[in-house]
């Protein structure tokens, strides 16, 4: 099942909200605690962080027509990737989002 069709501008706006939400002090604290629990194990990191990030973003992505779960977040990321080469801001924010829960992905990729 595909997600909604968003314009580049809508995708940028949604991504701004997602990044702002992740960067809230309480969410960063949760992420840092969970990363510490996962240690250097990339599978454990993905297993623990993906649901956490998904939960943090459920209201934002749902507002833009995606299901408020991990599948919705993955559909949003897929859409976001379509615009990364067209828009530097989307690419930068997308890299930040992916680095929060994808093992081995850094914001410099």
PDB file of N, CA and C in Angstrom:
ATOM      1  N   UNK A   1       0.843  -1.190   0.000  1.00  0.00           N
ATOM      2  CA  UNK A   1       0.000   0.000   0.000  1.00  0.00           C
ATOM      3  C   UNK A   1       0.879   1.241   0.000  1.00  0.00           C
ATOM      4  N   UNK A   2       0.602   2.155  -0.900  1.00  0.00           N
ATOM      5  CA  UNK A   2       1.379   3.374  -1.007  1.00  0.00           C
ATOM      6  C   UNK A   2       0.825   4.441  -0.085  1.00  0.00           C
ATOM      7  N   UNK A   3       1.680   5.391   0.242  1.00  0.00           N
ATOM      8  CA  UNK A   3       1.254   6.526   1.041  1.00  0.00           C
ATOM      9  C   UNK A   3       0.660   7.591   0.139  1.00  0.00           C
ATOM     10  N   UNK A   4       0.264   8.703   0.718  1.00  0.00           N
ATOM     11  CA  UNK A   4      -0.313   9.788  -0.069  1.00  0.00           C
ATOM     12  C   UNK A   4       0.735  10.427  -0.972  1.00  0.00           C
ATOM     13  N   UNK A   5       0.267  11.080  -2.008  1.00  0.00           N
ATOM     14  CA  UNK A   5       1.165  11.803  -2.907  1.00  0.00           C
ATOM     15  C   UNK A   5       1.299  13.223  -2.376  1.00  0.00           C
ATOM     16  N   UNK A   6       2.479  13.558  -1.901  1.00  0.00           N
ATOM     17  CA  UNK A   6       2.737  14.904  -1.404  1.00  0.00           C
ATOM     18  C   UNK A   6       3.626  15.645  -2.389  1.00  0.00           C
ATOM     19  N   UNK A   7       3.427  16.938  -2.453  1.00  0.00           N
ATOM     20  CA  UNK A   7       4.314  17.762  -3.273  1.00  0.00           C
ATOM     21  C   UNK A   7       5.662  17.882  -2.563  1.00  0.00           C
ATOM     22  N   UNK A   8       6.634  18.416  -3.265  1.00  0.00           N
ATOM     23  CA  UNK A   8       7.940  18.654  -2.665  1.00  0.00           C
ATOM     24  C   UNK A   8       7.800  19.570  -1.448  1.00  0.00           C
ATOM     25  N   UNK A   9       7.007  20.618  -1.575  1.00  0.00           N
ATOM     26  CA  UNK A   9       6.823  21.566  -0.476  1.00  0.00           C
ATOM     27  C   UNK A   9       6.155  20.900   0.725  1.00  0.00           C
ATOM     28  N   UNK A  10       5.133  20.079   0.481  1.00  0.00           N
ATOM     29  CA  UNK A  10       4.455  19.379   1.572  1.00  0.00           C
ATOM     30  C   UNK A  10       5.408  18.401   2.258  1.00  0.00           C
ATOM     31  N   UNK A  11       6.216  17.732   1.459  1.00  0.00           N
ATOM     32  CA  UNK A  11       7.194  16.795   2.019  1.00  0.00           C
ATOM     33  C   UNK A  11       8.204  17.542   2.880  1.00  0.00           C
ATOM     34  N   UNK A  12       8.671  18.682   2.403  1.00  0.00           N
ATOM     35  CA  UNK A  12       9.616  19.497   3.175  1.00  0.00           C
ATOM     36  C   UNK A  12       8.972  19.952   4.486  1.00  0.00           C
ATOM     37  N   UNK A  13       7.724  20.408   4.425  1.00  0.00           N
ATOM     38  CA  UNK A  13       7.027  20.853   5.637  1.00  0.00           C
ATOM     39  C   UNK A  13       6.863  19.708   6.633  1.00  0.00           C
ATOM     40  N   UNK A  14       6.456  18.547   6.142  1.00  0.00           N
ATOM     41  CA  UNK A  14       6.283  17.382   7.016  1.00  0.00           C
ATOM     42  C   UNK A  14       7.607  16.990   7.641  1.00  0.00           C
ATOM     43  N   UNK A  15       8.642  16.997   6.846  1.00  0.00           N
ATOM     44  CA  UNK A  15       9.965  16.613   7.346  1.00  0.00           C
ATOM     45  C   UNK A  15      10.477  17.609   8.385  1.00  0.00           C
ATOM     46  N   UNK A  16      10.199  18.872   8.180  1.00  0.00           N
ATOM     47  CA  UNK A  16      10.577  19.877   9.195  1.00  0.00           C
ATOM     48  C   UNK A  16       9.911  19.550  10.528  1.00  0.00           C
ATOM     49  N   UNK A  17       8.621  19.208  10.471  1.00  0.00           N
ATOM     50  CA  UNK A  17       7.899  18.865  11.698  1.00  0.00           C
ATOM     51  C   UNK A  17       8.469  17.608  12.348  1.00  0.00           C
ATOM     52  N   UNK A  18       8.800  16.627  11.533  1.00  0.00           N
ATOM     53  CA  UNK A  18       9.376  15.385  12.043  1.00  0.00           C
ATOM     54  C   UNK A  18      10.697  15.669  12.761  1.00  0.00           C
ATOM     55  N   UNK A  19      11.571  16.427  12.110  1.00  0.00           N
ATOM     56  CA  UNK A  19      12.889  16.727  12.689  1.00  0.00           C
ATOM     57  C   UNK A  19      12.737  17.564  13.963  1.00  0.00           C
ATOM     58  N   UNK A  20      11.868  18.573  13.926  1.00  0.00           N
ATOM     59  CA  UNK A  20      11.631  19.385  15.125  1.00  0.00           C
ATOM     60  C   UNK A  20      11.153  18.508  16.280  1.00  0.00           C
ATOM     61  N   UNK A  21      10.277  17.564  15.973  1.00  0.00           N
ATOM     62  CA  UNK A  21       9.750  16.666  16.991  1.00  0.00           C
ATOM     63  C   UNK A  21      10.849  15.784  17.576  1.00  0.00           C
ATOM     64  N   UNK A  22      11.684  15.223  16.730  1.00  0.00           N
ATOM     65  CA  UNK A  22      12.778  14.377  17.210  1.00  0.00           C
ATOM     66  C   UNK A  22      13.735  15.174  18.087  1.00  0.00           C
ATOM     67  N   UNK A  23      13.985  16.431  17.718  1.00  0.00           N
ATOM     68  CA  UNK A  23      14.965  17.247  18.432  1.00  0.00           C
ATOM     69  C   UNK A  23      14.452  17.823  19.753  1.00  0.00           C
ATOM     70  N   UNK A  24      13.199  17.578  20.093  1.00  0.00           N
ATOM     71  CA  UNK A  24      12.697  18.010  21.399  1.00  0.00           C
ATOM     72  C   UNK A  24      13.545  17.336  22.474  1.00  0.00           C
ATOM     73  N   UNK A  25      13.892  18.060  23.519  1.00  0.00           N
ATOM     74  CA  UNK A  25      14.770  17.492  24.556  1.00  0.00           C
ATOM     75  C   UNK A  25      14.286  16.144  25.109  1.00  0.00           C
ATOM     76  N   UNK A  26      12.999  16.022  25.349  1.00  0.00           N
ATOM     77  CA  UNK A  26      12.501  14.754  25.895  1.00  0.00           C
ATOM     78  C   UNK A  26      12.654  13.597  24.910  1.00  0.00           C
ATOM     79  N   UNK A  27      12.502  13.886  23.613  1.00  0.00           N
ATOM     80  CA  UNK A  27      12.679  12.830  22.613  1.00  0.00           C
ATOM     81  C   UNK A  27      14.150  12.486  22.413  1.00  0.00           C
ATOM     82  N   UNK A  28      15.019  13.497  22.434  1.00  0.00           N
ATOM     83  CA  UNK A  28      16.451  13.225  22.318  1.00  0.00           C
ATOM     84  C   UNK A  28      16.929  12.399  23.514  1.00  0.00           C
ATOM     85  N   UNK A  29      16.396  12.678  24.691  1.00  0.00           N
ATOM     86  CA  UNK A  29      16.762  11.895  25.874  1.00  0.00           C
ATOM     87  C   UNK A  29      16.354  10.436  25.702  1.00  0.00           C
ATOM     88  N   UNK A  30      15.158  10.211  25.183  1.00  0.00           N
ATOM     89  CA  UNK A  30      14.696   8.828  24.938  1.00  0.00           C
ATOM     90  C   UNK A  30      15.593   8.135  23.913  1.00  0.00           C
ATOM     91  N   UNK A  31      15.929   8.853  22.844  1.00  0.00           N
ATOM     92  CA  UNK A  31      16.784   8.273  21.807  1.00  0.00           C
ATOM     93  C   UNK A  31      18.163   7.934  22.363  1.00  0.00           C
ATOM     94  N   UNK A  32      18.749   8.857  23.111  1.00  0.00           N
ATOM     95  CA  UNK A  32      20.084   8.624  23.666  1.00  0.00           C
ATOM     96  C   UNK A  32      20.092   7.449  24.640  1.00  0.00           C
ATOM     97  N   UNK A  33      19.064   7.352  25.471  1.00  0.00           N
ATOM     98  CA  UNK A  33      18.959   6.230  26.407  1.00  0.00           C
ATOM     99  C   UNK A  33      18.834   4.912  25.652  1.00  0.00           C
ATOM    100  N   UNK A  34      18.004   4.906  24.624  1.00  0.00           N
ATOM    101  CA  UNK A  34      17.792   3.683  23.844  1.00  0.00           C
ATOM    102  C   UNK A  34      19.047   3.304  23.073  1.00  0.00           C
ATOM    103  N   UNK A  35      19.756   4.287  22.524  1.00  0.00           N
ATOM    104  CA  UNK A  35      21.007   3.994  21.815  1.00  0.00           C
ATOM    105  C   UNK A  35      22.035   3.397  22.769  1.00  0.00           C
ATOM    106  N   UNK A  36      22.072   3.909  23.983  1.00  0.00           N
ATOM    107  CA  UNK A  36      23.006   3.368  24.976  1.00  0.00           C
ATOM    108  C   UNK A  36      22.656   1.920  25.306  1.00  0.00           C
ATOM    109  N   UNK A  37      21.368   1.617  25.392  1.00  0.00           N
ATOM    110  CA  UNK A  37      20.932   0.236  25.656  1.00  0.00           C
ATOM    111  C   UNK A  37      21.318  -0.704  24.507  1.00  0.00           C
ATOM    112  N   UNK A  38      21.222  -0.190  23.293  1.00  0.00           N
ATOM    113  CA  UNK A  38      21.523  -1.010  22.119  1.00  0.00           C
ATOM    114  C   UNK A  38      23.014  -1.222  21.939  1.00  0.00           C
ATOM    115  N   UNK A  39      23.819  -0.295  22.448  1.00  0.00           N
ATOM    116  CA  UNK A  39      25.257  -0.425  22.303  1.00  0.00           C
ATOM    117  C   UNK A  39      25.686  -0.396  20.850  1.00  0.00           C
ATOM    118  N   UNK A  40      26.657  -1.217  20.515  1.00  0.00           N
ATOM    119  CA  UNK A  40      27.192  -1.262  19.154  1.00  0.00           C
ATOM    120  C   UNK A  40      26.511  -2.294  18.271  1.00  0.00           C
ATOM    121  N   UNK A  41      25.457  -2.920  18.761  1.00  0.00           N
ATOM    122  CA  UNK A  41      24.754  -3.955  18.005  1.00  0.00           C
ATOM    123  C   UNK A  41      23.771  -3.308  17.024  1.00  0.00           C
ATOM    124  N   UNK A  42      24.082  -3.315  15.716  1.00  0.00           N
ATOM    125  CA  UNK A  42      23.226  -2.629  14.754  1.00  0.00           C
ATOM    126  C   UNK A  42      21.806  -3.198  14.670  1.00  0.00           C
ATOM    127  N   UNK A  43      21.673  -4.496  14.821  1.00  0.00           N
ATOM    128  CA  UNK A  43      20.328  -5.090  14.770  1.00  0.00           C
ATOM    129  C   UNK A  43      19.500  -4.675  15.984  1.00  0.00           C
ATOM    130  N   UNK A  44      20.136  -4.665  17.138  1.00  0.00           N
ATOM    131  CA  UNK A  44      19.443  -4.261  18.357  1.00  0.00           C
ATOM    132  C   UNK A  44      19.062  -2.779  18.260  1.00  0.00           C
ATOM    133  N   UNK A  45      19.960  -1.988  17.698  1.00  0.00           N
ATOM    134  CA  UNK A  45      19.679  -0.558  17.535  1.00  0.00           C
ATOM    135  C   UNK A  45      18.438  -0.357  16.664  1.00  0.00           C
ATOM    136  N   UNK A  46      18.405  -1.020  15.532  1.00  0.00           N
ATOM    137  CA  UNK A  46      17.255  -0.902  14.623  1.00  0.00           C
ATOM    138  C   UNK A  46      15.990  -1.421  15.305  1.00  0.00           C
ATOM    139  N   UNK A  47      16.102  -2.551  15.982  1.00  0.00           N
ATOM    140  CA  UNK A  47      14.960  -3.177  16.641  1.00  0.00           C
ATOM    141  C   UNK A  47      14.375  -2.264  17.716  1.00  0.00           C
ATOM    142  N   UNK A  48      15.231  -1.572  18.454  1.00  0.00           N
ATOM    143  CA  UNK A  48      14.766  -0.711  19.539  1.00  0.00           C
ATOM    144  C   UNK A  48      14.393   0.704  19.079  1.00  0.00           C
ATOM    145  N   UNK A  49      15.153   1.250  18.143  1.00  0.00           N
ATOM    146  CA  UNK A  49      14.949   2.641  17.761  1.00  0.00           C
ATOM    147  C   UNK A  49      13.839   2.853  16.739  1.00  0.00           C
ATOM    148  N   UNK A  50      13.656   1.934  15.808  1.00  0.00           N
ATOM    149  CA  UNK A  50      12.624   2.135  14.777  1.00  0.00           C
ATOM    150  C   UNK A  50      11.241   2.315  15.391  1.00  0.00           C
ATOM    151  N   UNK A  51      10.833   1.445  16.331  1.00  0.00           N
ATOM    152  CA  UNK A  51       9.502   1.667  16.923  1.00  0.00           C
ATOM    153  C   UNK A  51       9.423   2.957  17.743  1.00  0.00           C
ATOM    154  N   UNK A  52      10.522   3.325  18.382  1.00  0.00           N
ATOM    155  CA  UNK A  52      10.540   4.546  19.185  1.00  0.00           C
ATOM    156  C   UNK A  52      10.369   5.776  18.291  1.00  0.00           C
ATOM    157  N   UNK A  53      11.144   5.850  17.220  1.00  0.00           N
ATOM    158  CA  UNK A  53      11.043   6.978  16.292  1.00  0.00           C
ATOM    159  C   UNK A  53       9.663   6.991  15.643  1.00  0.00           C
ATOM    160  N   UNK A  54       9.169   5.832  15.284  1.00  0.00           N
ATOM    161  CA  UNK A  54       7.834   5.736  14.692  1.00  0.00           C
ATOM    162  C   UNK A  54       6.781   6.286  15.646  1.00  0.00           C
ATOM    163  N   UNK A  55       6.884   5.915  16.915  1.00  0.00           N
ATOM    164  CA  UNK A  55       5.930   6.392  17.907  1.00  0.00           C
ATOM    165  C   UNK A  55       6.025   7.912  18.075  1.00  0.00           C
ATOM    166  N   UNK A  56       7.240   8.439  18.050  1.00  0.00           N
ATOM    167  CA  UNK A  56       7.425   9.888  18.183  1.00  0.00           C
ATOM    168  C   UNK A  56       6.771  10.640  17.026  1.00  0.00           C
ATOM    169  N   UNK A  57       6.729  10.020  15.852  1.00  0.00           N
ATOM    170  CA  UNK A  57       6.285  10.708  14.636  1.00  0.00           C
ATOM    171  C   UNK A  57       4.858  10.378  14.215  1.00  0.00           C
ATOM    172  N   UNK A  58       4.192   9.520  14.955  1.00  0.00           N
ATOM    173  CA  UNK A  58       2.886   9.035  14.487  1.00  0.00           C
ATOM    174  C   UNK A  58       1.891  10.164  14.227  1.00  0.00           C
ATOM    175  N   UNK A  59       1.845  11.172  15.077  1.00  0.00           N
ATOM    176  CA  UNK A  59       0.883  12.256  14.874  1.00  0.00           C
ATOM    177  C   UNK A  59       1.251  13.117  13.672  1.00  0.00           C
ATOM    178  N   UNK A  60       2.541  13.374  13.487  1.00  0.00           N
ATOM    179  CA  UNK A  60       2.988  14.202  12.365  1.00  0.00           C
ATOM    180  C   UNK A  60       2.704  13.501  11.044  1.00  0.00           C
ATOM    181  N   UNK A  61       3.138  12.247  10.910  1.00  0.00           N
ATOM    182  CA  UNK A  61       2.943  11.580   9.617  1.00  0.00           C
ATOM    183  C   UNK A  61       1.467  11.306   9.350  1.00  0.00           C
ATOM    184  N   UNK A  62       0.700  11.066  10.405  1.00  0.00           N
ATOM    185  CA  UNK A  62      -0.739  10.851  10.236  1.00  0.00           C
ATOM    186  C   UNK A  62      -1.406  12.125   9.719  1.00  0.00           C
ATOM    187  N   UNK A  63      -0.963  13.269  10.189  1.00  0.00           N
ATOM    188  CA  UNK A  63      -1.472  14.567   9.736  1.00  0.00           C
ATOM    189  C   UNK A  63      -1.312  14.722   8.221  1.00  0.00           C
ATOM    190  N   UNK A  64      -0.249  14.102   7.671  1.00  0.00           N
ATOM    191  CA  UNK A  64       0.017  14.194   6.236  1.00  0.00           C
ATOM    192  C   UNK A  64      -0.517  12.992   5.456  1.00  0.00           C
ATOM    193  N   UNK A  65      -1.336  12.164   6.111  1.00  0.00           N
ATOM    194  CA  UNK A  65      -2.024  11.090   5.404  1.00  0.00           C
ATOM    195  C   UNK A  65      -1.376   9.724   5.477  1.00  0.00           C
ATOM    196  N   UNK A  66      -0.312   9.570   6.257  1.00  0.00           N
ATOM    197  CA  UNK A  66       0.351   8.273   6.405  1.00  0.00           C
ATOM    198  C   UNK A  66      -0.186   7.579   7.649  1.00  0.00           C
ATOM    199  N   UNK A  67      -0.166   6.265   7.643  1.00  0.00           N
ATOM    200  CA  UNK A  67      -0.624   5.539   8.821  1.00  0.00           C
ATOM    201  C   UNK A  67       0.326   5.812   9.986  1.00  0.00           C
ATOM    202  N   UNK A  68      -0.217   5.923  11.206  1.00  0.00           N
ATOM    203  CA  UNK A  68       0.603   6.291  12.367  1.00  0.00           C
ATOM    204  C   UNK A  68       1.339   5.103  12.973  1.00  0.00           C
ATOM    205  N   UNK A  69       2.168   4.459  12.162  1.00  0.00           N
ATOM    206  CA  UNK A  69       2.903   3.272  12.618  1.00  0.00           C
ATOM    207  C   UNK A  69       4.209   3.174  11.840  1.00  0.00           C
ATOM    208  N   UNK A  70       4.966   2.101  12.093  1.00  0.00           N
ATOM    209  CA  UNK A  70       6.251   1.941  11.402  1.00  0.00           C
ATOM    210  C   UNK A  70       6.084   1.866   9.898  1.00  0.00           C
ATOM    211  N   UNK A  71       5.035   1.209   9.431  1.00  0.00           N
ATOM    212  CA  UNK A  71       4.806   1.114   7.988  1.00  0.00           C
ATOM    213  C   UNK A  71       4.579   2.508   7.394  1.00  0.00           C
ATOM    214  N   UNK A  72       3.830   3.344   8.102  1.00  0.00           N
ATOM    215  CA  UNK A  72       3.600   4.712   7.636  1.00  0.00           C
ATOM    216  C   UNK A  72       4.890   5.517   7.591  1.00  0.00           C
ATOM    217  N   UNK A  73       5.730   5.343   8.618  1.00  0.00           N
ATOM    218  CA  UNK A  73       7.018   6.039   8.637  1.00  0.00           C
ATOM    219  C   UNK A  73       7.886   5.581   7.465  1.00  0.00           C
ATOM    220  N   UNK A  74       7.901   4.291   7.181  1.00  0.00           N
ATOM    221  CA  UNK A  74       8.696   3.777   6.058  1.00  0.00           C
ATOM    222  C   UNK A  74       8.168   4.315   4.729  1.00  0.00           C
ATOM    223  N   UNK A  75       6.847   4.418   4.594  1.00  0.00           N
ATOM    224  CA  UNK A  75       6.269   4.987   3.364  1.00  0.00           C
ATOM    225  C   UNK A  75       6.651   6.460   3.233  1.00  0.00           C
ATOM    226  N   UNK A  76       6.634   7.170   4.362  1.00  0.00           N
ATOM    227  CA  UNK A  76       7.038   8.576   4.339  1.00  0.00           C
ATOM    228  C   UNK A  76       8.500   8.701   3.907  1.00  0.00           C
ATOM    229  N   UNK A  77       9.361   7.859   4.447  1.00  0.00           N
ATOM    230  CA  UNK A  77      10.782   7.894   4.086  1.00  0.00           C
ATOM    231  C   UNK A  77      10.966   7.582   2.603  1.00  0.00           C
ATOM    232  N   UNK A  78      10.197   6.633   2.081  1.00  0.00           N
ATOM    233  CA  UNK A  78      10.265   6.306   0.657  1.00  0.00           C
ATOM    234  C   UNK A  78       9.895   7.518  -0.187  1.00  0.00           C
ATOM    235  N   UNK A  79       8.832   8.211   0.184  1.00  0.00           N
ATOM    236  CA  UNK A  79       8.431   9.417  -0.533  1.00  0.00           C
ATOM    237  C   UNK A  79       9.515  10.489  -0.416  1.00  0.00           C
ATOM    238  N   UNK A  80      10.035  10.655   0.781  1.00  0.00           N
ATOM    239  CA  UNK A  80      11.066  11.648   1.029  1.00  0.00           C
ATOM    240  C   UNK A  80      12.271  11.411   0.115  1.00  0.00           C
ATOM    241  N   UNK A  81      12.650  10.158  -0.050  1.00  0.00           N
ATOM    242  CA  UNK A  81      13.809   9.822  -0.891  1.00  0.00           C
ATOM    243  C   UNK A  81      13.609  10.269  -2.336  1.00  0.00           C
ATOM    244  N   UNK A  82      12.356  10.276  -2.799  1.00  0.00           N
ATOM    245  CA  UNK A  82      12.077  10.707  -4.177  1.00  0.00           C
ATOM    246  C   UNK A  82      12.445  12.173  -4.399  1.00  0.00           C
ATOM    247  N   UNK A  83      12.425  12.958  -3.330  1.00  0.00           N
ATOM    248  CA  UNK A  83      12.707  14.395  -3.436  1.00  0.00           C
ATOM    249  C   UNK A  83      14.111  14.774  -2.988  1.00  0.00           C
ATOM    250  N   UNK A  84      14.869  13.846  -2.430  1.00  0.00           N
ATOM    251  CA  UNK A  84      16.182  14.183  -1.884  1.00  0.00           C
ATOM    252  C   UNK A  84      17.128  14.799  -2.908  1.00  0.00           C
ATOM    253  N   UNK A  85      17.118  14.310  -4.118  1.00  0.00           N
ATOM    254  CA  UNK A  85      18.044  14.829  -5.125  1.00  0.00           C
ATOM    255  C   UNK A  85      17.600  16.181  -5.678  1.00  0.00           C
ATOM    256  N   UNK A  86      16.327  16.511  -5.482  1.00  0.00           N
ATOM    257  CA  UNK A  86      15.799  17.778  -5.978  1.00  0.00           C
ATOM    258  C   UNK A  86      15.908  18.902  -4.956  1.00  0.00           C
ATOM    259  N   UNK A  87      16.080  18.547  -3.686  1.00  0.00           N
ATOM    260  CA  UNK A  87      16.006  19.550  -2.641  1.00  0.00           C
ATOM    261  C   UNK A  87      17.027  19.252  -1.548  1.00  0.00           C
ATOM    262  N   UNK A  88      17.995  20.138  -1.397  1.00  0.00           N
ATOM    263  CA  UNK A  88      19.082  19.928  -0.422  1.00  0.00           C
ATOM    264  C   UNK A  88      18.567  19.892   1.013  1.00  0.00           C
ATOM    265  N   UNK A  89      17.555  20.695   1.311  1.00  0.00           N
ATOM    266  CA  UNK A  89      17.017  20.712   2.672  1.00  0.00           C
ATOM    267  C   UNK A  89      16.345  19.375   3.004  1.00  0.00           C
ATOM    268  N   UNK A  90      15.598  18.825   2.068  1.00  0.00           N
ATOM    269  CA  UNK A  90      14.974  17.514   2.277  1.00  0.00           C
ATOM    270  C   UNK A  90      16.049  16.457   2.468  1.00  0.00           C
ATOM    271  N   UNK A  91      17.100  16.521   1.662  1.00  0.00           N
ATOM    272  CA  UNK A  91      18.176  15.543   1.793  1.00  0.00           C
ATOM    273  C   UNK A  91      18.834  15.636   3.170  1.00  0.00           C
ATOM    274  N   UNK A  92      19.127  16.834   3.619  1.00  0.00           N
ATOM    275  CA  UNK A  92      19.776  17.025   4.915  1.00  0.00           C
ATOM    276  C   UNK A  92      18.873  16.527   6.055  1.00  0.00           C
ATOM    277  N   UNK A  93      17.616  16.924   6.031  1.00  0.00           N
ATOM    278  CA  UNK A  93      16.696  16.492   7.089  1.00  0.00           C
ATOM    279  C   UNK A  93      16.439  14.990   7.018  1.00  0.00           C
ATOM    280  N   UNK A  94      16.365  14.462   5.795  1.00  0.00           N
ATOM    281  CA  UNK A  94      16.171  13.026   5.617  1.00  0.00           C
ATOM    282  C   UNK A  94      17.334  12.224   6.168  1.00  0.00           C
ATOM    283  N   UNK A  95      18.537  12.706   5.940  1.00  0.00           N
ATOM    284  CA  UNK A  95      19.716  12.032   6.485  1.00  0.00           C
ATOM    285  C   UNK A  95      19.692  12.035   8.009  1.00  0.00           C
ATOM    286  N   UNK A  96      19.270  13.157   8.582  1.00  0.00           N
ATOM    287  CA  UNK A  96      19.147  13.216  10.041  1.00  0.00           C
ATOM    288  C   UNK A  96      18.121  12.191  10.531  1.00  0.00           C
ATOM    289  N   UNK A  97      16.958  12.161   9.899  1.00  0.00           N
ATOM    290  CA  UNK A  97      15.913  11.215  10.299  1.00  0.00           C
ATOM    291  C   UNK A  97      16.414   9.774  10.217  1.00  0.00           C
ATOM    292  N   UNK A  98      17.007   9.424   9.096  1.00  0.00           N
ATOM    293  CA  UNK A  98      17.489   8.052   8.926  1.00  0.00           C
ATOM    294  C   UNK A  98      18.580   7.709   9.929  1.00  0.00           C
ATOM    295  N   UNK A  99      19.414   8.690  10.260  1.00  0.00           N
ATOM    296  CA  UNK A  99      20.505   8.408  11.200  1.00  0.00           C
ATOM    297  C   UNK A  99      19.994   8.141  12.611  1.00  0.00           C
ATOM    298  N   UNK A 100      18.749   8.535  12.911  1.00  0.00           N
ATOM    299  CA  UNK A 100      18.221   8.315  14.254  1.00  0.00           C
ATOM    300  C   UNK A 100      17.898   6.860  14.537  1.00  0.00           C
ATOM    301  N   UNK A 101      17.682   6.059  13.491  1.00  0.00           N
ATOM    302  CA  UNK A 101      17.304   4.672  13.769  1.00  0.00           C
ATOM    303  C   UNK A 101      17.875   3.628  12.830  1.00  0.00           C
ATOM    304  N   UNK A 102      18.596   4.017  11.802  1.00  0.00           N
ATOM    305  CA  UNK A 102      19.151   3.044  10.874  1.00  0.00           C
ATOM    306  C   UNK A 102      20.607   2.755  11.236  1.00  0.00           C
ATOM    307  N   UNK A 103      20.928   1.519  11.530  1.00  0.00           N
ATOM    308  CA  UNK A 103      22.300   1.154  11.917  1.00  0.00           C
ATOM    309  C   UNK A 103      23.293   1.538  10.823  1.00  0.00           C
ATOM    310  N   UNK A 104      24.382   2.155  11.245  1.00  0.00           N
ATOM    311  CA  UNK A 104      25.445   2.480  10.309  1.00  0.00           C
ATOM    312  C   UNK A 104      25.179   3.680   9.436  1.00  0.00           C
ATOM    313  N   UNK A 105      24.013   4.288   9.550  1.00  0.00           N
ATOM    314  CA  UNK A 105      23.721   5.459   8.721  1.00  0.00           C
ATOM    315  C   UNK A 105      24.113   6.694   9.495  1.00  0.00           C
ATOM    316  N   UNK A 106      24.945   7.514   8.907  1.00  0.00           N
ATOM    317  CA  UNK A 106      25.323   8.763   9.572  1.00  0.00           C
ATOM    318  C   UNK A 106      24.788   9.915   8.756  1.00  0.00           C
ATOM    319  N   UNK A 107      24.646  11.050   9.373  1.00  0.00           N
ATOM    320  CA  UNK A 107      24.122  12.235   8.695  1.00  0.00           C
ATOM    321  C   UNK A 107      25.018  12.687   7.551  1.00  0.00           C
ATOM    322  N   UNK A 108      26.244  12.208   7.503  1.00  0.00           N
ATOM    323  CA  UNK A 108      27.151  12.607   6.426  1.00  0.00           C
ATOM    324  C   UNK A 108      27.015  11.741   5.191  1.00  0.00           C
ATOM    325  N   UNK A 109      26.188  10.674   5.245  1.00  0.00           N
ATOM    326  CA  UNK A 109      25.999   9.801   4.070  1.00  0.00           C
ATOM    327  C   UNK A 109      25.258  10.526   2.983  1.00  0.00           C
TER     328      UNK A 109
END
